[in-house]
Amino acid sequence: SRWLPGLDVAHAEHGRGWVQGSGVGRVTVRFEVPSDTAPGRVRTFAVDDAALSRAEPLPLVGRAATAAR
């Protein structure tokens, strides 16, 4: 499958997130980034949704935390 669990993705409308799972022509994405303090919203799309693409992983530590070291 093209959409493996844990894969970082970007959606044109919903922003950055990661794949929770995929199958039967669908992919489920949790839209959250490492700096979020609450769980992100979840959306399911067709696997061929043109607005959904792979993305480079975001840093797990923000710039402010890195600068404080």
N, C-alpha and C. Protein backbone atom coordinates (compact mmCIF):
# COMPACT_ATOMS: atom_id res chain seq x y z
N SER A 1 0.84 -1.19 0.00
CA SER A 1 0.00 0.00 0.00
C SER A 1 0.88 1.25 0.00
N ARG A 2 0.44 2.25 -0.67
CA ARG A 2 1.18 3.50 -0.76
C ARG A 2 1.12 4.29 0.54
N TRP A 3 0.05 4.15 1.30
CA TRP A 3 -0.14 4.92 2.53
C TRP A 3 0.09 4.02 3.74
N LEU A 4 1.32 3.95 4.20
CA LEU A 4 1.67 3.10 5.34
C LEU A 4 1.44 3.84 6.66
N PRO A 5 1.01 3.13 7.70
CA PRO A 5 0.82 3.78 9.01
C PRO A 5 2.09 4.49 9.47
N GLY A 6 1.91 5.69 10.00
CA GLY A 6 3.03 6.48 10.49
C GLY A 6 3.62 7.42 9.47
N LEU A 7 3.25 7.27 8.21
CA LEU A 7 3.78 8.12 7.14
C LEU A 7 3.32 9.56 7.33
N ASP A 8 4.26 10.50 7.24
CA ASP A 8 3.91 11.92 7.33
C ASP A 8 3.27 12.35 6.01
N VAL A 9 2.20 13.14 6.13
CA VAL A 9 1.47 13.59 4.94
C VAL A 9 1.10 15.06 5.08
N ALA A 10 0.70 15.64 3.96
CA ALA A 10 0.16 17.00 3.93
C ALA A 10 -1.12 16.97 3.09
N HIS A 11 -2.11 17.71 3.53
CA HIS A 11 -3.36 17.82 2.78
C HIS A 11 -3.58 19.30 2.46
N ALA A 12 -4.02 19.58 1.25
CA ALA A 12 -4.18 20.96 0.78
C ALA A 12 -5.13 21.76 1.67
N GLU A 13 -6.14 21.14 2.23
CA GLU A 13 -7.11 21.86 3.07
C GLU A 13 -6.85 21.70 4.56
N HIS A 14 -6.43 20.51 5.00
CA HIS A 14 -6.34 20.20 6.43
C HIS A 14 -4.95 20.35 7.03
N GLY A 15 -3.91 20.48 6.20
CA GLY A 15 -2.56 20.69 6.72
C GLY A 15 -1.78 19.41 6.91
N ARG A 16 -0.88 19.43 7.91
CA ARG A 16 0.05 18.32 8.15
C ARG A 16 -0.57 17.28 9.07
N GLY A 17 -0.15 16.03 8.87
CA GLY A 17 -0.63 14.94 9.71
C GLY A 17 0.15 13.67 9.43
N TRP A 18 -0.40 12.55 9.89
CA TRP A 18 0.24 11.25 9.67
C TRP A 18 -0.83 10.19 9.47
N VAL A 19 -0.47 9.15 8.73
CA VAL A 19 -1.40 8.08 8.39
C VAL A 19 -1.63 7.18 9.59
N GLN A 20 -2.90 7.00 9.96
CA GLN A 20 -3.25 6.04 11.01
C GLN A 20 -3.42 4.65 10.42
N GLY A 21 -3.95 4.58 9.22
CA GLY A 21 -4.15 3.29 8.57
C GLY A 21 -4.74 3.47 7.19
N SER A 22 -4.73 2.37 6.42
CA SER A 22 -5.32 2.44 5.09
C SER A 22 -5.77 1.05 4.67
N GLY A 23 -6.70 1.03 3.74
CA GLY A 23 -7.22 -0.22 3.18
C GLY A 23 -8.55 0.02 2.53
N VAL A 24 -8.97 -0.91 1.69
CA VAL A 24 -10.25 -0.87 1.00
C VAL A 24 -10.45 0.48 0.28
N GLY A 25 -9.36 1.00 -0.30
CA GLY A 25 -9.46 2.23 -1.07
C GLY A 25 -9.51 3.51 -0.26
N ARG A 26 -9.25 3.42 1.04
CA ARG A 26 -9.32 4.59 1.92
C ARG A 26 -8.03 4.73 2.71
N VAL A 27 -7.74 5.97 3.14
CA VAL A 27 -6.62 6.25 4.03
C VAL A 27 -7.12 7.17 5.13
N THR A 28 -6.80 6.84 6.38
CA THR A 28 -7.22 7.64 7.53
C THR A 28 -6.02 8.38 8.07
N VAL A 29 -6.20 9.70 8.24
CA VAL A 29 -5.10 10.58 8.65
C VAL A 29 -5.48 11.31 9.92
N ARG A 30 -4.53 11.38 10.87
CA ARG A 30 -4.70 12.22 12.06
C ARG A 30 -3.92 13.50 11.80
N PHE A 31 -4.62 14.62 11.83
CA PHE A 31 -4.00 15.92 11.54
C PHE A 31 -3.52 16.55 12.84
N GLU A 32 -2.22 16.34 13.09
CA GLU A 32 -1.56 16.93 14.26
C GLU A 32 -0.07 16.99 13.96
N VAL A 33 0.60 17.85 14.67
CA VAL A 33 2.05 18.00 14.54
C VAL A 33 2.67 17.89 15.92
N PRO A 34 3.99 17.65 16.02
CA PRO A 34 4.61 17.44 17.32
C PRO A 34 4.36 18.54 18.35
N SER A 35 4.16 19.77 17.92
CA SER A 35 3.95 20.87 18.87
C SER A 35 2.52 20.97 19.39
N ASP A 36 1.58 20.19 18.84
CA ASP A 36 0.19 20.22 19.33
C ASP A 36 0.11 19.68 20.75
N THR A 37 -0.76 20.27 21.55
CA THR A 37 -0.93 19.82 22.94
C THR A 37 -2.15 18.91 23.11
N ALA A 38 -3.01 18.85 22.12
CA ALA A 38 -4.19 17.99 22.16
C ALA A 38 -4.17 17.07 20.94
N PRO A 39 -4.85 15.92 21.04
CA PRO A 39 -4.92 15.03 19.88
C PRO A 39 -5.54 15.75 18.68
N GLY A 40 -5.05 15.45 17.51
CA GLY A 40 -5.54 16.08 16.29
C GLY A 40 -6.83 15.46 15.79
N ARG A 41 -7.46 16.16 14.85
CA ARG A 41 -8.70 15.65 14.26
C ARG A 41 -8.35 14.55 13.25
N VAL A 42 -9.30 13.66 13.02
CA VAL A 42 -9.10 12.52 12.13
C VAL A 42 -10.03 12.64 10.93
N ARG A 43 -9.51 12.37 9.75
CA ARG A 43 -10.30 12.41 8.52
C ARG A 43 -9.93 11.20 7.67
N THR A 44 -10.89 10.71 6.89
CA THR A 44 -10.64 9.59 5.97
C THR A 44 -10.87 10.06 4.54
N PHE A 45 -9.96 9.67 3.65
CA PHE A 45 -9.99 10.08 2.25
C PHE A 45 -9.86 8.87 1.34
N ALA A 46 -10.22 9.04 0.08
CA ALA A 46 -9.92 8.04 -0.94
C ALA A 46 -8.40 7.99 -1.11
N VAL A 47 -7.85 6.81 -1.38
CA VAL A 47 -6.39 6.70 -1.51
C VAL A 47 -5.84 7.53 -2.66
N ASP A 48 -6.68 7.88 -3.62
CA ASP A 48 -6.21 8.67 -4.76
C ASP A 48 -6.60 10.15 -4.66
N ASP A 49 -6.91 10.62 -3.46
CA ASP A 49 -7.26 12.03 -3.25
C ASP A 49 -6.09 12.91 -3.68
N ALA A 50 -6.31 13.75 -4.67
CA ALA A 50 -5.24 14.60 -5.22
C ALA A 50 -4.73 15.63 -4.22
N ALA A 51 -5.51 15.96 -3.19
CA ALA A 51 -5.10 16.96 -2.20
C ALA A 51 -4.18 16.38 -1.13
N LEU A 52 -4.00 15.05 -1.11
CA LEU A 52 -3.18 14.38 -0.10
C LEU A 52 -1.86 13.95 -0.72
N SER A 53 -0.76 14.28 -0.02
CA SER A 53 0.57 13.92 -0.53
C SER A 53 1.49 13.55 0.62
N ARG A 54 2.55 12.83 0.29
CA ARG A 54 3.58 12.52 1.29
C ARG A 54 4.29 13.81 1.67
N ALA A 55 4.81 13.85 2.90
CA ALA A 55 5.53 15.04 3.36
C ALA A 55 6.77 14.60 4.15
N GLU A 56 7.75 15.46 4.18
CA GLU A 56 8.93 15.21 5.01
C GLU A 56 8.53 15.28 6.48
N PRO A 57 9.10 14.44 7.32
CA PRO A 57 8.78 14.50 8.75
C PRO A 57 9.16 15.86 9.35
N LEU A 58 8.33 16.32 10.28
CA LEU A 58 8.62 17.56 11.00
C LEU A 58 9.55 17.24 12.17
N PRO A 59 10.36 18.20 12.63
CA PRO A 59 11.22 17.97 13.80
C PRO A 59 10.36 17.68 15.03
N LEU A 60 10.82 16.77 15.86
CA LEU A 60 10.08 16.44 17.08
C LEU A 60 10.26 17.49 18.16
N VAL A 61 11.33 18.30 18.07
CA VAL A 61 11.61 19.34 19.05
C VAL A 61 11.53 20.68 18.35
N GLY A 62 10.81 21.62 18.95
CA GLY A 62 10.68 22.95 18.36
C GLY A 62 11.95 23.76 18.46
N ARG A 63 12.02 24.85 17.73
CA ARG A 63 13.21 25.71 17.74
C ARG A 63 13.48 26.32 19.11
N ALA A 64 12.45 26.71 19.84
CA ALA A 64 12.64 27.32 21.16
C ALA A 64 13.30 26.34 22.13
N ALA A 65 12.87 25.08 22.09
CA ALA A 65 13.46 24.07 22.98
C ALA A 65 14.91 23.80 22.59
N THR A 66 15.20 23.79 21.30
CA THR A 66 16.56 23.56 20.84
C THR A 66 17.47 24.73 21.23
N ALA A 67 16.99 25.95 21.13
CA ALA A 67 17.78 27.14 21.47
C ALA A 67 18.10 27.21 22.95
N ALA A 68 17.24 26.64 23.80
CA ALA A 68 17.44 26.67 25.25
C ALA A 68 18.54 25.74 25.71
N ARG A 69 18.98 24.85 24.84
CA ARG A 69 20.00 23.87 25.25
C ARG A 69 21.36 24.46 25.36
